[in-house]
Amino acid sequence: MIQFKDTEKMLHEMIAQVPSDIKKQYDYSFDLSDRIDEQMKSQGISRRELARRTGKRPSEITRWLSGQHNFTLATIAKLSVALDHDFLKIV
C-alpha cells in the first residue's frame, strides 16, 4: 500500500518536472482570475452580469474564474473595459 509520504514525494517529483515557464503561466492565470473575482465582488457584479457586459456565456465566465483559462490580450482588454479596471500594466 502506498503511504501518504510516498504519494507526496511522487507529487513533488512530478511538479519538479514541469517547465518553469509553464508554472509561471499558471501562476499568472490564477492571479488574474483571482483579481477578476475580487473586482466582481467589490462592484457587486454577478457572473451573469459580467457575461452580459463581455458578450460571453456565463459558463465561459466560470471557466475564466477557474484559473485554468489561457487569457488572450483581447480577453484581458474586454474584462478591463467591462469592469472598469486595468488588469494589465506594462512598466
N, C-alpha and C. Protein backbone atom coordinates (compact mmCIF):
# COMPACT_ATOMS: atom_id res chain seq x y z
N MET A 1 0.83 -1.17 0.00
CA MET A 1 0.00 0.00 0.00
C MET A 1 0.89 1.25 0.00
N ILE A 2 0.54 2.23 -0.82
CA ILE A 2 1.30 3.48 -0.89
C ILE A 2 0.90 4.36 0.28
N GLN A 3 1.90 4.84 0.97
CA GLN A 3 1.63 5.70 2.11
C GLN A 3 1.63 7.16 1.67
N PHE A 4 1.11 8.02 2.54
CA PHE A 4 0.99 9.44 2.24
C PHE A 4 2.33 10.06 1.88
N LYS A 5 3.38 9.74 2.62
CA LYS A 5 4.70 10.33 2.35
C LYS A 5 5.19 9.93 0.97
N ASP A 6 4.91 8.68 0.55
CA ASP A 6 5.31 8.23 -0.78
C ASP A 6 4.54 9.00 -1.86
N THR A 7 3.26 9.18 -1.64
CA THR A 7 2.43 9.91 -2.58
C THR A 7 2.88 11.37 -2.67
N GLU A 8 3.16 11.96 -1.54
CA GLU A 8 3.62 13.35 -1.50
C GLU A 8 4.96 13.49 -2.24
N LYS A 9 5.84 12.57 -2.03
CA LYS A 9 7.15 12.60 -2.71
C LYS A 9 6.97 12.48 -4.22
N MET A 10 6.10 11.57 -4.66
CA MET A 10 5.85 11.40 -6.10
C MET A 10 5.26 12.68 -6.69
N LEU A 11 4.35 13.31 -5.97
CA LEU A 11 3.74 14.55 -6.45
C LEU A 11 4.80 15.64 -6.60
N HIS A 12 5.67 15.79 -5.62
CA HIS A 12 6.73 16.80 -5.70
C HIS A 12 7.68 16.52 -6.86
N GLU A 13 7.96 15.26 -7.11
CA GLU A 13 8.84 14.90 -8.23
C GLU A 13 8.18 15.24 -9.57
N MET A 14 6.89 15.00 -9.67
CA MET A 14 6.17 15.32 -10.91
C MET A 14 6.13 16.83 -11.13
N ILE A 15 5.86 17.58 -10.07
CA ILE A 15 5.81 19.04 -10.19
C ILE A 15 7.17 19.60 -10.57
N ALA A 16 8.23 19.02 -10.05
CA ALA A 16 9.58 19.47 -10.36
C ALA A 16 9.91 19.32 -11.85
N GLN A 17 9.21 18.43 -12.53
CA GLN A 17 9.47 18.19 -13.95
C GLN A 17 8.73 19.18 -14.86
N VAL A 18 7.81 19.94 -14.32
CA VAL A 18 7.06 20.92 -15.12
C VAL A 18 7.99 22.09 -15.42
N PRO A 19 8.11 22.47 -16.70
CA PRO A 19 8.99 23.60 -17.06
C PRO A 19 8.59 24.89 -16.34
N SER A 20 9.58 25.70 -16.02
CA SER A 20 9.35 26.95 -15.27
C SER A 20 8.39 27.89 -15.96
N ASP A 21 8.45 27.97 -17.29
CA ASP A 21 7.56 28.89 -18.00
C ASP A 21 6.11 28.43 -17.90
N ILE A 22 5.87 27.14 -17.86
CA ILE A 22 4.51 26.64 -17.71
C ILE A 22 4.01 26.93 -16.29
N LYS A 23 4.86 26.75 -15.30
CA LYS A 23 4.49 27.09 -13.93
C LYS A 23 4.12 28.57 -13.84
N LYS A 24 4.93 29.43 -14.47
CA LYS A 24 4.68 30.87 -14.44
C LYS A 24 3.36 31.20 -15.13
N GLN A 25 3.08 30.53 -16.24
CA GLN A 25 1.82 30.75 -16.96
C GLN A 25 0.63 30.45 -16.05
N TYR A 26 0.69 29.35 -15.34
CA TYR A 26 -0.40 29.01 -14.42
C TYR A 26 -0.49 30.00 -13.27
N ASP A 27 0.65 30.45 -12.76
CA ASP A 27 0.63 31.47 -11.71
C ASP A 27 -0.09 32.73 -12.18
N TYR A 28 0.26 33.20 -13.39
CA TYR A 28 -0.38 34.38 -13.94
C TYR A 28 -1.89 34.17 -14.11
N SER A 29 -2.26 33.01 -14.63
CA SER A 29 -3.67 32.73 -14.88
C SER A 29 -4.48 32.72 -13.59
N PHE A 30 -3.94 32.06 -12.56
CA PHE A 30 -4.65 32.03 -11.28
C PHE A 30 -4.69 33.42 -10.64
N ASP A 31 -3.60 34.17 -10.74
CA ASP A 31 -3.58 35.53 -10.18
C ASP A 31 -4.62 36.41 -10.87
N LEU A 32 -4.69 36.31 -12.20
CA LEU A 32 -5.65 37.13 -12.94
C LEU A 32 -7.08 36.74 -12.60
N SER A 33 -7.36 35.47 -12.53
CA SER A 33 -8.72 35.05 -12.21
C SER A 33 -9.10 35.51 -10.79
N ASP A 34 -8.15 35.49 -9.88
CA ASP A 34 -8.42 35.99 -8.52
C ASP A 34 -8.73 37.49 -8.55
N ARG A 35 -7.98 38.25 -9.34
CA ARG A 35 -8.21 39.70 -9.42
C ARG A 35 -9.56 40.00 -10.07
N ILE A 36 -9.94 39.23 -11.07
CA ILE A 36 -11.25 39.41 -11.71
C ILE A 36 -12.34 39.17 -10.67
N ASP A 37 -12.22 38.08 -9.93
CA ASP A 37 -13.20 37.74 -8.90
C ASP A 37 -13.28 38.84 -7.85
N GLU A 38 -12.14 39.37 -7.42
CA GLU A 38 -12.13 40.46 -6.44
C GLU A 38 -12.85 41.68 -6.97
N GLN A 39 -12.61 42.03 -8.23
CA GLN A 39 -13.28 43.20 -8.82
C GLN A 39 -14.78 42.98 -8.91
N MET A 40 -15.17 41.79 -9.31
CA MET A 40 -16.60 41.48 -9.40
C MET A 40 -17.26 41.63 -8.02
N LYS A 41 -16.62 41.08 -7.00
CA LYS A 41 -17.19 41.16 -5.65
C LYS A 41 -17.24 42.60 -5.16
N SER A 42 -16.17 43.36 -5.40
CA SER A 42 -16.15 44.74 -4.90
C SER A 42 -17.18 45.62 -5.60
N GLN A 43 -17.54 45.25 -6.83
CA GLN A 43 -18.53 46.03 -7.58
C GLN A 43 -19.93 45.41 -7.52
N GLY A 44 -20.04 44.26 -6.86
CA GLY A 44 -21.33 43.59 -6.76
C GLY A 44 -21.83 43.06 -8.09
N ILE A 45 -20.91 42.61 -8.91
CA ILE A 45 -21.27 42.12 -10.26
C ILE A 45 -21.30 40.60 -10.26
N SER A 46 -22.37 40.04 -10.78
CA SER A 46 -22.51 38.59 -10.87
C SER A 46 -21.83 38.07 -12.13
N ARG A 47 -21.67 36.77 -12.19
CA ARG A 47 -21.11 36.14 -13.40
C ARG A 47 -22.02 36.40 -14.59
N ARG A 48 -23.31 36.35 -14.34
CA ARG A 48 -24.27 36.60 -15.42
C ARG A 48 -24.13 38.03 -15.96
N GLU A 49 -23.95 38.99 -15.05
CA GLU A 49 -23.77 40.38 -15.48
C GLU A 49 -22.47 40.57 -16.23
N LEU A 50 -21.40 39.94 -15.75
CA LEU A 50 -20.12 40.04 -16.46
C LEU A 50 -20.24 39.39 -17.84
N ALA A 51 -20.96 38.30 -17.93
CA ALA A 51 -21.19 37.66 -19.23
C ALA A 51 -21.91 38.61 -20.17
N ARG A 52 -22.92 39.29 -19.65
CA ARG A 52 -23.66 40.25 -20.47
C ARG A 52 -22.75 41.37 -20.96
N ARG A 53 -21.93 41.90 -20.05
CA ARG A 53 -21.05 43.01 -20.39
C ARG A 53 -19.97 42.63 -21.40
N THR A 54 -19.56 41.38 -21.37
CA THR A 54 -18.48 40.94 -22.26
C THR A 54 -18.99 40.22 -23.50
N GLY A 55 -20.31 39.99 -23.56
CA GLY A 55 -20.88 39.27 -24.70
C GLY A 55 -20.54 37.78 -24.69
N LYS A 56 -20.30 37.25 -23.51
CA LYS A 56 -19.95 35.83 -23.37
C LYS A 56 -21.05 35.11 -22.61
N ARG A 57 -20.98 33.77 -22.62
CA ARG A 57 -21.92 32.96 -21.85
C ARG A 57 -21.44 32.89 -20.40
N PRO A 58 -22.36 32.77 -19.45
CA PRO A 58 -21.95 32.63 -18.04
C PRO A 58 -21.00 31.44 -17.82
N SER A 59 -21.17 30.37 -18.59
CA SER A 59 -20.28 29.21 -18.45
C SER A 59 -18.84 29.57 -18.81
N GLU A 60 -18.67 30.51 -19.75
CA GLU A 60 -17.32 30.94 -20.10
C GLU A 60 -16.71 31.77 -18.97
N ILE A 61 -17.52 32.58 -18.32
CA ILE A 61 -17.04 33.36 -17.18
C ILE A 61 -16.59 32.40 -16.07
N THR A 62 -17.36 31.36 -15.86
CA THR A 62 -16.98 30.34 -14.86
C THR A 62 -15.63 29.74 -15.21
N ARG A 63 -15.40 29.44 -16.47
CA ARG A 63 -14.11 28.91 -16.92
C ARG A 63 -13.00 29.92 -16.66
N TRP A 64 -13.26 31.19 -16.94
CA TRP A 64 -12.25 32.23 -16.70
C TRP A 64 -11.88 32.28 -15.23
N LEU A 65 -12.88 32.16 -14.37
CA LEU A 65 -12.65 32.28 -12.93
C LEU A 65 -12.06 31.02 -12.31
N SER A 66 -11.97 29.96 -13.07
CA SER A 66 -11.40 28.71 -12.55
C SER A 66 -9.89 28.80 -12.39
N GLY A 67 -9.27 29.78 -13.07
CA GLY A 67 -7.82 29.92 -13.00
C GLY A 67 -7.09 29.06 -14.00
N GLN A 68 -7.82 28.38 -14.85
CA GLN A 68 -7.19 27.48 -15.81
C GLN A 68 -7.40 27.94 -17.25
N HIS A 69 -7.82 29.17 -17.42
CA HIS A 69 -8.06 29.70 -18.76
C HIS A 69 -6.80 30.40 -19.26
N ASN A 70 -6.46 30.21 -20.51
CA ASN A 70 -5.32 30.90 -21.11
C ASN A 70 -5.84 32.22 -21.70
N PHE A 71 -5.74 33.28 -20.92
CA PHE A 71 -6.28 34.58 -21.32
C PHE A 71 -5.48 35.18 -22.48
N THR A 72 -6.19 35.70 -23.46
CA THR A 72 -5.55 36.46 -24.52
C THR A 72 -5.56 37.93 -24.14
N LEU A 73 -4.77 38.72 -24.82
CA LEU A 73 -4.79 40.17 -24.56
C LEU A 73 -6.16 40.75 -24.88
N ALA A 74 -6.82 40.21 -25.90
CA ALA A 74 -8.16 40.69 -26.26
C ALA A 74 -9.14 40.43 -25.11
N THR A 75 -9.05 39.28 -24.49
CA THR A 75 -9.94 38.95 -23.37
C THR A 75 -9.64 39.83 -22.17
N ILE A 76 -8.36 40.05 -21.90
CA ILE A 76 -7.98 40.91 -20.77
C ILE A 76 -8.49 42.34 -21.01
N ALA A 77 -8.38 42.82 -22.24
CA ALA A 77 -8.88 44.16 -22.58
C ALA A 77 -10.39 44.23 -22.40
N LYS A 78 -11.10 43.19 -22.85
CA LYS A 78 -12.55 43.15 -22.72
C LYS A 78 -12.97 43.17 -21.24
N LEU A 79 -12.26 42.41 -20.42
CA LEU A 79 -12.53 42.38 -18.99
C LEU A 79 -12.22 43.73 -18.34
N SER A 80 -11.13 44.36 -18.77
CA SER A 80 -10.75 45.66 -18.22
C SER A 80 -11.82 46.70 -18.48
N VAL A 81 -12.39 46.68 -19.67
CA VAL A 81 -13.46 47.62 -20.01
C VAL A 81 -14.73 47.27 -19.25
N ALA A 82 -15.08 45.99 -19.23
CA ALA A 82 -16.33 45.57 -18.58
C ALA A 82 -16.33 45.87 -17.09
N LEU A 83 -15.16 45.79 -16.46
CA LEU A 83 -15.07 46.01 -15.02
C LEU A 83 -14.43 47.35 -14.67
N ASP A 84 -14.13 48.16 -15.69
CA ASP A 84 -13.52 49.47 -15.49
C ASP A 84 -12.31 49.37 -14.55
N HIS A 85 -11.43 48.44 -14.89
CA HIS A 85 -10.25 48.18 -14.07
C HIS A 85 -9.12 47.69 -14.97
N ASP A 86 -7.93 48.27 -14.82
CA ASP A 86 -6.78 47.80 -15.59
C ASP A 86 -6.20 46.56 -14.95
N PHE A 87 -6.34 45.43 -15.64
CA PHE A 87 -5.79 44.19 -15.14
C PHE A 87 -4.36 43.97 -15.60
N LEU A 88 -3.93 44.74 -16.57
CA LEU A 88 -2.58 44.56 -17.12
C LEU A 88 -1.92 45.92 -17.25
N LYS A 89 -0.79 46.05 -16.60
CA LYS A 89 0.01 47.27 -16.72
C LYS A 89 1.42 46.86 -17.09
N ILE A 90 1.89 47.39 -18.18
CA ILE A 90 3.25 47.09 -18.63
C ILE A 90 4.13 48.26 -18.25
N VAL A 91 5.17 47.97 -17.49
CA VAL A 91 6.05 49.02 -16.99
C VAL A 91 7.23 49.18 -17.93
